[in-house]
Each structure stands twice: as C-alpha cells, then as structure tokens.
C-alpha cells in the first residue's frame, strides 16, 4: 500500500510494506528518481522520511537552476544551503519552495548531513567524484568527542562536513504551559483517556511520540517489577518501527523481552496520579476486544478501538485548550514545563532533569532551560542584595 504526498513537481512517495514505512521520490509522471531512491533505501525509516523531504527540496532547486546531481559543483550546493537558510528573499525569490519559511539552524544541520550523504553515495556509483572529494573532509576531535567515544584518547580525526553552517549559540526560550492549564484541562475533558493523556504528559515529560508508542507490556506500575531496572513504578520507552499508529520513539535505546518481561529501553518513573488515571482509563474505556496491545486507543468513529495516532492526541489538546480559553495547547509545552519544574525542584541540577525527562544530554538541558537567572537561587539572592531587597 502506498500514499502519494504531492509537494510540487517532484514528490515524496510513502510506501508501506509488512508494517514498515519507507520513502522514495518520484517525477510528476510517476517515474522513479533512481538515484534518490537508491540513496533513501540505505537509511532507516525514521531518517528516511526526514531526508526524503529535505532531498526533494534540493532536487527541485536543481531543476530550477537547470542542473543535475551529476554536474553540480560544491559552490552551487553551497549557494543552495545559503538560499534555504536566508531570512531575506533574494531578487528572484524562492520559486521552488512555494513560499515556505527558511530553514532554521537545526534543519540546516540536517540538510547538510543529508546532502553530503547523497553526493557521497552518488560518487560511490561512479558519478561526480570531484564534488565528493571536496565534501570528504576530516577534522580534529574535540574534548567532547573524546569523552563521548569509547577509547576516545585514541581518536586522531573525525569526518567533517563543509556544508555545515556555523553554529550560533542562542538562548532558547521554550514555550511553557499557561498558568493553571493542567487543572483546567482535566476539569474540561470528559474522557478518562484524555485526562490520562494530560496527566502523563504533565508528570512524565513524555514526547507525544513516546506516549502514543506505549504498549501495555511496557508499563510496570508496581514497585519491585520483575524487570529489575527500577525499584519504583515505571515505564519502558521502546523504539518500535511496526507500531500500527506509526508513532515512534526518538531515542533508540536497546531493549528486549525475556520471559514475557520488557527490559531495557528508556526507563521513566511514574507518579501516583499517573497510575490512578491509568486504572481509571483501563477499567472504564479500554476495549476488551483490542488485540494490538497498545495503551491509547481511538474511542469514537470508524476506527474505534484502534491505536490512537499522535495527530489525534495533538488535535484533542488543541481543541481542549481553545475550549477553556487557553489558546492552542501543544504537547511539547507539557515537556518544557515538566523539565523546568524538575530543575526548580532540584536546584538547577541538569543531570537530574536529563534523567527525569529522557533528554539526550545534560548540556542540552543547560542550553535550553538552565539559565542562572531562572533556576540559580544564589544568582537571584545576589541581585536582591544589590537592589537592597535583602
């Protein structure tokens, strides 16, 4: 089964087979873009989707510039990276992008990795080796690289990408939930599933993909669970590619099932309120006929009883926020508010927030949330003494 997602002249084609989803690129007449298809086949499904949409944008640009992957030069690819990241449109505009916003820095970093991989793959097929030689660069390892790597002291060089833009360190201000959002949402929502969603996102700091990916076997909601991974009640967040609702976990920690018990994955502790709302939902609304084993399900419509997709959860939160006059509520706002609250409670210890919310690194928590004027009591006390308030 396949679904065509038309984006312009060239288009991304989604292909489903045996529970997995892959992505390729087609010409307007349905002909396969052979080089792009061969490259995307080398990627995992999650990466393949992101790279397919970035690559189709670049291929459209090549057509607009009357170029082909076999003849494009490094200077031209570098010009493309500047065009998609430019905040001011040039004199000729961006006709191949249909008025879309410029890429932000994270998207530019991903696009740079995508294009380098694409052109290095092309060179291995015997075409445009000159461009690949320019892209195939190395750099000296940093202290952080050595710390992250096993036997890091033996590192001599690491691959580098000349297309990668210069990193600019910006103070990020993540959007938090409005005041009293949780109690007002819980009071408004009539469904036990929806109340559980608000509670689990608030107390667990889940990404919406993590929450919608949970299976019943992932839940160890009693102390001293047989997995032995955590004494307290907890859940195991496990990456699965064949979830019927296509929800995916971002972090791919290894996991396994032994004797019917889940072990590994990312272990996240749960609160008493989370356990309470789970039992309310499972005893009043969860369908007995469900055989897919996933936690959250559709409650109405033609797909009643099937796994609940992330789009359904986002829509529920958005509508509920508008009803209680809080505006559109996004799932990530729960995660931001949770991380901020953990930092406050721990005195600004980013390692605690990293573990509680499953962040990639404590450095990321520091960059986004750990600002001294927000969480550091010493910093605040020093200013108050300076202002004469103490």
Protein backbone atom coordinates (compact mmCIF):
# COMPACT_ATOMS: atom_id res chain seq x y z
CA UNK A 1 0.00 0.00 0.00
CA UNK A 2 1.30 3.47 -0.82
CA UNK A 3 0.14 7.04 -0.29
CA UNK A 4 1.23 9.83 -2.61
CA UNK A 5 2.08 13.12 -0.90
CA UNK A 6 2.23 15.75 -3.64
CA UNK A 7 4.57 18.61 -2.84
CA UNK A 8 5.19 20.18 -6.24
CA UNK A 9 6.84 18.84 -9.39
CA UNK A 10 8.97 16.16 -7.81
CA UNK A 11 7.14 14.50 -4.94
CA UNK A 12 7.78 12.24 -1.98
CA UNK A 13 6.12 8.84 -2.15
CA UNK A 14 5.36 6.92 1.02
CA UNK A 15 5.47 3.14 0.64
CA UNK A 16 4.18 0.70 3.25
CA UNK A 17 5.21 -2.93 3.32
CA UNK A 18 4.91 -5.52 6.06
CA UNK A 19 4.22 -2.92 8.73
CA UNK A 20 7.21 -0.76 7.77
CA UNK A 21 7.12 2.61 6.05
CA UNK A 22 9.74 3.68 3.50
CA UNK A 23 10.06 6.80 1.37
CA UNK A 24 11.13 7.48 -2.18
CA UNK A 25 10.98 10.34 -4.70
CA UNK A 26 9.02 10.33 -7.98
CA UNK A 27 8.84 12.55 -11.04
CA UNK A 28 5.46 14.13 -11.91
CA UNK A 29 4.62 11.27 -14.30
CA UNK A 30 5.23 8.67 -11.60
CA UNK A 31 8.70 7.67 -12.78
CA UNK A 32 11.12 6.72 -10.01
CA UNK A 33 14.05 9.03 -9.32
CA UNK A 34 16.54 6.18 -9.38
CA UNK A 35 19.46 7.86 -7.61
CA UNK A 36 17.34 9.33 -4.81
CA UNK A 37 15.51 6.03 -4.35
CA UNK A 38 18.75 4.07 -4.11
CA UNK A 39 20.12 6.51 -1.52
CA UNK A 40 16.96 6.54 0.60
CA UNK A 41 16.95 2.74 0.68
CA UNK A 42 20.19 2.86 2.66
CA UNK A 43 18.54 4.78 5.53
CA UNK A 44 16.42 3.72 8.48
CA UNK A 45 12.68 4.56 8.17
CA UNK A 46 12.75 7.50 10.60
CA UNK A 47 15.81 9.08 8.98
CA UNK A 48 14.47 8.21 5.52
CA UNK A 49 11.36 10.32 6.00
CA UNK A 50 13.28 13.41 7.11
CA UNK A 51 15.91 13.06 4.40
CA UNK A 52 13.30 12.45 1.68
CA UNK A 53 11.63 15.81 2.28
CA UNK A 54 14.97 17.63 2.52
CA UNK A 55 16.28 15.90 -0.60
CA UNK A 56 13.19 16.58 -2.72
CA UNK A 57 13.58 20.28 -1.95
CA UNK A 58 17.19 20.17 -3.16
CA UNK A 59 16.28 18.24 -6.31
CA UNK A 60 13.60 20.80 -7.14
CA UNK A 61 16.22 23.52 -6.76
CA UNK A 62 18.50 21.67 -9.18
CA UNK A 63 15.69 21.57 -11.76
CA UNK A 64 15.00 25.27 -11.23
CA UNK A 65 18.70 26.01 -11.81
CA UNK A 66 18.86 23.67 -14.84
CA UNK A 67 21.35 21.43 -13.05
CA UNK A 68 21.64 17.72 -12.35
CA UNK A 69 23.27 15.85 -9.45
CA UNK A 70 25.95 14.61 -11.86
CA UNK A 71 27.08 18.10 -12.87
CA UNK A 72 26.51 20.27 -9.78
CA UNK A 73 29.59 21.79 -8.11
CA UNK A 74 30.38 22.41 -4.47
CA UNK A 75 29.97 26.17 -4.91
CA UNK A 76 26.48 25.62 -6.29
CA UNK A 77 25.46 23.30 -3.47
CA UNK A 78 26.86 25.83 -1.01
CA UNK A 79 24.74 28.50 -2.69
CA UNK A 80 21.69 26.30 -2.22
CA UNK A 81 22.41 26.00 1.51
CA UNK A 82 22.61 29.77 1.71
CA UNK A 83 19.32 30.16 -0.17
CA UNK A 84 17.28 27.83 2.04
CA UNK A 85 18.65 29.43 5.20
CA UNK A 86 18.32 33.05 4.08
CA UNK A 87 15.84 35.09 6.10
CA UNK A 88 15.58 37.71 3.32
CA UNK A 89 14.40 36.59 -0.10
CA UNK A 90 16.71 37.38 -2.99
CA UNK A 91 15.71 39.31 -6.11
CA UNK A 92 14.48 36.13 -7.82
CA UNK A 93 12.74 34.76 -4.73
CA UNK A 94 12.50 31.05 -3.98
CA UNK A 95 10.16 29.67 -6.65
CA UNK A 96 10.98 26.03 -5.94
CA UNK A 97 9.98 26.31 -2.26
CA UNK A 98 6.44 27.66 -2.77
CA UNK A 99 6.80 30.46 -0.21
CA UNK A 100 7.91 28.26 2.70
CA UNK A 101 9.83 29.68 5.63
CA UNK A 102 13.65 29.48 5.61
CA UNK A 103 15.28 26.56 7.39
CA UNK A 104 16.23 27.10 11.00
CA UNK A 105 19.67 26.07 12.22
CA UNK A 106 18.65 22.54 13.23
CA UNK A 107 17.12 21.96 9.79
CA UNK A 108 20.23 23.35 8.08
CA UNK A 109 22.42 20.93 10.04
CA UNK A 110 20.22 18.02 9.00
CA UNK A 111 20.11 19.21 5.37
CA UNK A 112 23.92 19.42 5.31
CA UNK A 113 24.20 15.81 6.52
CA UNK A 114 21.56 14.69 4.00
CA UNK A 115 23.28 16.33 1.02
CA UNK A 116 26.73 15.10 1.95
CA UNK A 117 25.41 11.56 2.28
CA UNK A 118 23.56 11.84 -1.04
CA UNK A 119 26.56 13.10 -3.01
CA UNK A 120 28.99 10.68 -1.35
CA UNK A 121 26.59 7.87 -2.28
CA UNK A 122 26.47 9.17 -5.86
CA UNK A 123 30.26 9.19 -6.04
CA UNK A 124 30.36 5.54 -4.98
CA UNK A 125 28.18 4.85 -8.03
CA UNK A 126 30.86 6.48 -10.18
CA UNK A 127 29.40 9.97 -10.81
CA UNK A 128 30.61 13.46 -9.80
CA UNK A 129 33.60 12.29 -7.80
CA UNK A 130 35.00 15.82 -7.81
CA UNK A 131 32.20 17.04 -5.56
CA UNK A 132 32.63 14.06 -3.25
CA UNK A 133 36.34 14.81 -2.85
CA UNK A 134 35.50 18.32 -1.64
CA UNK A 135 32.86 17.01 0.77
CA UNK A 136 35.06 14.22 2.13
CA UNK A 137 36.89 16.20 4.79
CA UNK A 138 38.07 15.45 8.31
CA UNK A 139 38.65 17.47 11.48
CA UNK A 140 40.49 17.11 14.74
CA UNK A 141 38.41 15.63 17.58
CA UNK A 142 37.29 17.95 20.34
CA UNK A 143 37.35 17.19 24.06
CA UNK A 144 33.61 16.46 23.90
CA UNK A 145 34.19 13.99 21.04
CA UNK A 146 36.79 12.14 23.07
CA UNK A 147 34.51 11.93 26.10
CA UNK A 148 31.62 10.55 24.06
CA UNK A 149 33.71 7.90 22.33
CA UNK A 150 34.91 4.59 23.75
CA UNK A 151 38.73 4.75 23.85
CA UNK A 152 38.41 8.41 22.89
CA UNK A 153 42.06 9.05 23.67
CA UNK A 154 42.94 7.10 20.52
CA UNK A 155 40.94 9.35 18.20
CA UNK A 156 43.04 11.13 15.61
CA UNK A 157 40.42 12.58 13.24
CA UNK A 158 36.68 12.67 12.63
CA UNK A 159 34.62 13.25 9.47
CA UNK A 160 33.71 16.86 8.76
CA UNK A 161 31.06 18.41 6.54
CA UNK A 162 31.96 21.67 4.75
CA UNK A 163 28.25 22.31 4.11
CA UNK A 164 27.51 22.57 7.83
CA UNK A 165 26.67 26.17 8.77
CA UNK A 166 28.49 27.94 11.55
CA UNK A 167 26.80 27.20 14.84
CA UNK A 168 25.39 30.20 16.63
CA UNK A 169 24.72 29.75 20.33
CA UNK A 170 21.37 31.29 21.10
CA UNK A 171 19.48 31.39 24.31
CA UNK A 172 16.34 29.44 23.63
CA UNK A 173 13.04 30.27 25.34
CA UNK A 174 10.80 27.20 25.18
CA UNK A 175 7.10 27.85 25.40
CA UNK A 176 5.61 26.75 28.71
CA UNK A 177 2.04 25.83 29.56
CA UNK A 178 -0.25 28.69 30.58
CA UNK A 179 -0.94 29.06 34.31
CA UNK A 180 -3.44 26.53 35.68
CA UNK A 181 -3.51 24.72 32.33
CA UNK A 182 -3.43 21.22 33.79
CA UNK A 183 -6.35 21.52 36.26
CA UNK A 184 -8.46 23.43 33.77
CA UNK A 185 -7.86 20.87 31.04
CA UNK A 186 -8.56 17.93 33.34
CA UNK A 187 -11.79 19.54 34.53
CA UNK A 188 -12.92 20.16 30.96
CA UNK A 189 -12.11 16.75 29.46
CA UNK A 190 -14.94 14.18 29.76
CA UNK A 191 -12.87 11.17 28.66
CA UNK A 192 -10.68 9.15 31.04
CA UNK A 193 -8.23 8.63 28.16
CA UNK A 194 -7.88 12.35 27.59
CA UNK A 195 -7.46 13.09 31.30
CA UNK A 196 -4.79 10.37 31.43
CA UNK A 197 -3.05 11.99 28.46
CA UNK A 198 -2.83 15.37 30.21
CA UNK A 199 -1.63 13.75 33.47
CA UNK A 200 1.01 11.57 31.81
CA UNK A 201 2.37 14.39 29.67
CA UNK A 202 2.48 16.66 32.73
CA UNK A 203 4.09 14.24 35.21
CA UNK A 204 6.18 12.12 32.85
CA UNK A 205 7.64 14.68 30.47
CA UNK A 206 6.85 12.39 27.54
CA UNK A 207 7.28 13.36 23.94
CA UNK A 208 3.96 12.78 22.20
CA UNK A 209 5.52 10.04 20.06
CA UNK A 210 6.73 8.27 23.21
CA UNK A 211 3.31 8.42 24.83
CA UNK A 212 1.42 7.13 21.77
CA UNK A 213 4.06 4.38 21.30
CA UNK A 214 3.48 2.79 24.70
CA UNK A 215 2.32 -0.83 24.84
CA UNK A 216 0.64 -2.34 27.87
CA UNK A 217 3.64 -4.63 28.41
CA UNK A 218 5.85 -1.54 28.73
CA UNK A 219 4.09 -0.49 31.94
CA UNK A 220 5.50 -1.67 35.26
CA UNK A 221 3.24 0.27 37.60
CA UNK A 222 4.03 -1.59 40.82
CA UNK A 223 7.14 -1.46 42.97
CA UNK A 224 9.85 -4.09 42.54
CA UNK A 225 8.84 -5.01 38.99
CA UNK A 226 10.36 -8.26 37.65
CA UNK A 227 12.47 -6.39 35.08
CA UNK A 228 14.83 -5.22 37.84
CA UNK A 229 15.57 -1.96 36.01
CA UNK A 230 13.89 0.29 38.60
CA UNK A 231 12.50 -0.29 42.08
CA UNK A 232 9.78 2.36 41.77
CA UNK A 233 6.79 2.15 39.39
CA UNK A 234 7.99 3.00 35.89
CA UNK A 235 7.52 2.53 32.16
CA UNK A 236 9.90 1.32 29.46
CA UNK A 237 10.03 3.56 26.39
CA UNK A 238 10.97 1.29 23.49
CA UNK A 239 11.57 2.17 19.85
CA UNK A 240 9.40 0.06 17.50
CA UNK A 241 9.09 0.54 13.75
CA UNK A 242 5.93 -1.53 13.31
CA UNK A 243 3.51 0.33 15.59
CA UNK A 244 0.08 0.31 13.88
CA UNK A 245 -0.40 4.03 14.59
CA UNK A 246 3.10 4.80 13.21
CA UNK A 247 4.15 6.53 16.44
CA UNK A 248 7.88 6.31 17.03
CA UNK A 249 10.23 6.80 19.94
CA UNK A 250 13.03 9.26 19.17
CA UNK A 251 15.74 7.67 21.34
CA UNK A 252 16.61 4.13 20.24
CA UNK A 253 17.89 2.58 23.45
CA UNK A 254 18.26 -1.23 23.17
CA UNK A 255 15.51 -3.35 24.74
CA UNK A 256 14.43 -6.98 24.78
CA UNK A 257 11.71 -9.28 26.09
CA UNK A 258 12.75 -12.12 28.39
CA UNK A 259 10.11 -14.46 29.78
CA UNK A 260 7.39 -12.02 28.75
CA UNK A 261 9.03 -9.14 30.66
CA UNK A 262 10.33 -5.97 28.99
CA UNK A 263 13.87 -4.99 29.91
CA UNK A 264 15.91 -2.04 28.73
CA UNK A 265 14.74 0.88 26.65
CA UNK A 266 14.49 4.24 28.37
CA UNK A 267 13.14 3.83 31.89
CA UNK A 268 10.87 6.66 33.07
CA UNK A 269 9.39 6.77 36.57
CA UNK A 270 5.67 7.42 37.00
CA UNK A 271 3.71 9.37 39.61
CA UNK A 272 0.78 8.15 41.73
CA UNK A 273 -1.51 10.42 39.71
CA UNK A 274 -0.36 8.72 36.50
CA UNK A 275 -1.14 5.31 37.97
CA UNK A 276 -4.58 6.49 39.14
CA UNK A 277 -5.58 7.87 35.73
CA UNK A 278 -4.27 4.72 34.04
CA UNK A 279 -6.51 2.43 36.10
CA UNK A 280 -9.48 4.74 35.58
CA UNK A 281 -8.96 4.56 31.81
CA UNK A 282 -8.18 0.86 31.59
CA UNK A 283 -11.24 -0.15 33.66
CA UNK A 284 -13.79 2.18 32.04
CA UNK A 285 -12.82 2.85 28.41
CA UNK A 286 -10.18 0.42 27.18
CA UNK A 287 -11.83 -2.05 24.76
CA UNK A 288 -11.68 -5.71 25.75
CA UNK A 289 -11.54 -6.69 22.09
CA UNK A 290 -8.23 -4.84 21.44
CA UNK A 291 -5.52 -7.23 20.25
CA UNK A 292 -2.83 -4.75 19.25
CA UNK A 293 -1.62 -4.32 22.85
CA UNK A 294 -1.07 -0.55 22.65
CA UNK A 295 -2.01 1.75 25.51
CA UNK A 296 -4.06 4.58 24.00
CA UNK A 297 -6.84 3.86 21.53
CA UNK A 298 -9.47 5.60 19.44
CA UNK A 299 -12.73 5.97 21.34
CA UNK A 300 -15.08 7.02 18.54
CA UNK A 301 -15.64 6.76 14.80
CA UNK A 302 -14.95 4.07 12.26
CA UNK A 303 -11.57 3.28 13.83
CA UNK A 304 -12.87 2.84 17.34
CA UNK A 305 -10.57 0.56 19.31
CA UNK A 306 -7.57 1.04 17.01
CA UNK A 307 -4.34 2.64 18.30
CA UNK A 308 -4.50 6.41 18.76
CA UNK A 309 -2.18 8.35 16.46
CA UNK A 310 -0.13 11.37 17.53
CA UNK A 311 -2.27 13.58 15.28
CA UNK A 312 -5.34 12.58 17.29
CA UNK A 313 -3.65 13.45 20.59
CA UNK A 314 -2.45 16.80 19.24
CA UNK A 315 -5.95 17.61 17.98
CA UNK A 316 -7.56 16.72 21.31
CA UNK A 317 -5.19 19.03 23.21
CA UNK A 318 -5.61 21.84 20.70
CA UNK A 319 -9.41 21.73 20.87
CA UNK A 320 -9.44 21.44 24.67
CA UNK A 321 -7.12 24.44 25.03
CA UNK A 322 -9.37 26.56 22.85
CA UNK A 323 -12.48 25.50 24.80
CA UNK A 324 -11.02 26.60 28.14
CA UNK A 325 -9.71 29.83 26.56
CA UNK A 326 -6.01 28.96 26.91
CA UNK A 327 -5.29 29.02 23.19
CA UNK A 328 -3.79 26.13 21.24
CA UNK A 329 -2.02 23.72 23.59
CA UNK A 330 0.94 21.81 22.12
CA UNK A 331 2.23 18.51 23.58
CA UNK A 332 5.80 19.83 23.80
CA UNK A 333 4.64 22.54 26.22
CA UNK A 334 4.00 19.83 28.82
CA UNK A 335 7.56 18.54 28.36
CA UNK A 336 9.06 22.03 28.63
CA UNK A 337 7.06 22.81 31.77
CA UNK A 338 8.00 19.45 33.31
CA UNK A 339 11.73 19.96 32.71
CA UNK A 340 11.58 23.49 34.06
CA UNK A 341 9.79 22.27 37.21
CA UNK A 342 12.34 19.47 37.78
CA UNK A 343 15.18 21.98 37.51
CA UNK A 344 13.47 24.25 40.05
CA UNK A 345 12.91 21.36 42.45
CA UNK A 346 16.48 20.07 42.13
CA UNK A 347 18.18 23.44 42.50
CA UNK A 348 19.15 23.66 38.85
CA UNK A 349 20.80 20.22 38.57
CA UNK A 350 20.68 19.47 34.86
CA UNK A 351 21.68 15.81 35.30
CA UNK A 352 18.52 15.24 37.35
CA UNK A 353 16.37 16.89 34.68
CA UNK A 354 18.13 14.90 31.95
CA UNK A 355 17.34 11.61 33.64
CA UNK A 356 13.78 12.57 34.58
CA UNK A 357 12.84 13.71 31.07
CA UNK A 358 14.99 11.44 28.95
CA UNK A 359 16.99 14.24 27.36
CA UNK A 360 19.97 13.43 25.16
CA UNK A 361 22.46 15.24 27.36
CA UNK A 362 22.71 17.49 30.38
CA UNK A 363 24.38 20.08 28.15
CA UNK A 364 21.18 20.34 26.10
CA UNK A 365 19.15 20.86 29.27
CA UNK A 366 21.58 23.59 30.36
CA UNK A 367 21.39 25.32 26.98
CA UNK A 368 17.60 25.36 26.83
CA UNK A 369 16.49 25.63 30.47
CA UNK A 370 19.44 26.04 32.82
CA UNK A 371 19.75 29.82 32.82
CA UNK A 372 21.18 31.19 36.07
CA UNK A 373 18.63 33.97 36.32
CA UNK A 374 15.83 31.39 36.34
CA UNK A 375 16.98 28.45 38.48
CA UNK A 376 20.01 29.59 40.49
CA UNK A 377 18.98 30.82 43.96
CA UNK A 378 22.44 32.28 44.58
CA UNK A 379 22.14 34.37 41.44
CA UNK A 380 18.73 35.69 42.47
CA UNK A 381 19.83 36.37 46.04
CA UNK A 382 22.87 38.32 44.83
CA UNK A 383 20.68 40.59 42.72
CA UNK A 384 18.22 41.11 45.56
CA UNK A 385 21.06 42.17 47.87
CA UNK A 386 22.34 44.50 45.16
CA UNK A 387 18.89 46.04 44.83
CA UNK A 388 18.63 46.39 48.60
CA UNK A 389 15.74 43.97 48.96
CA UNK A 390 17.65 41.74 51.42
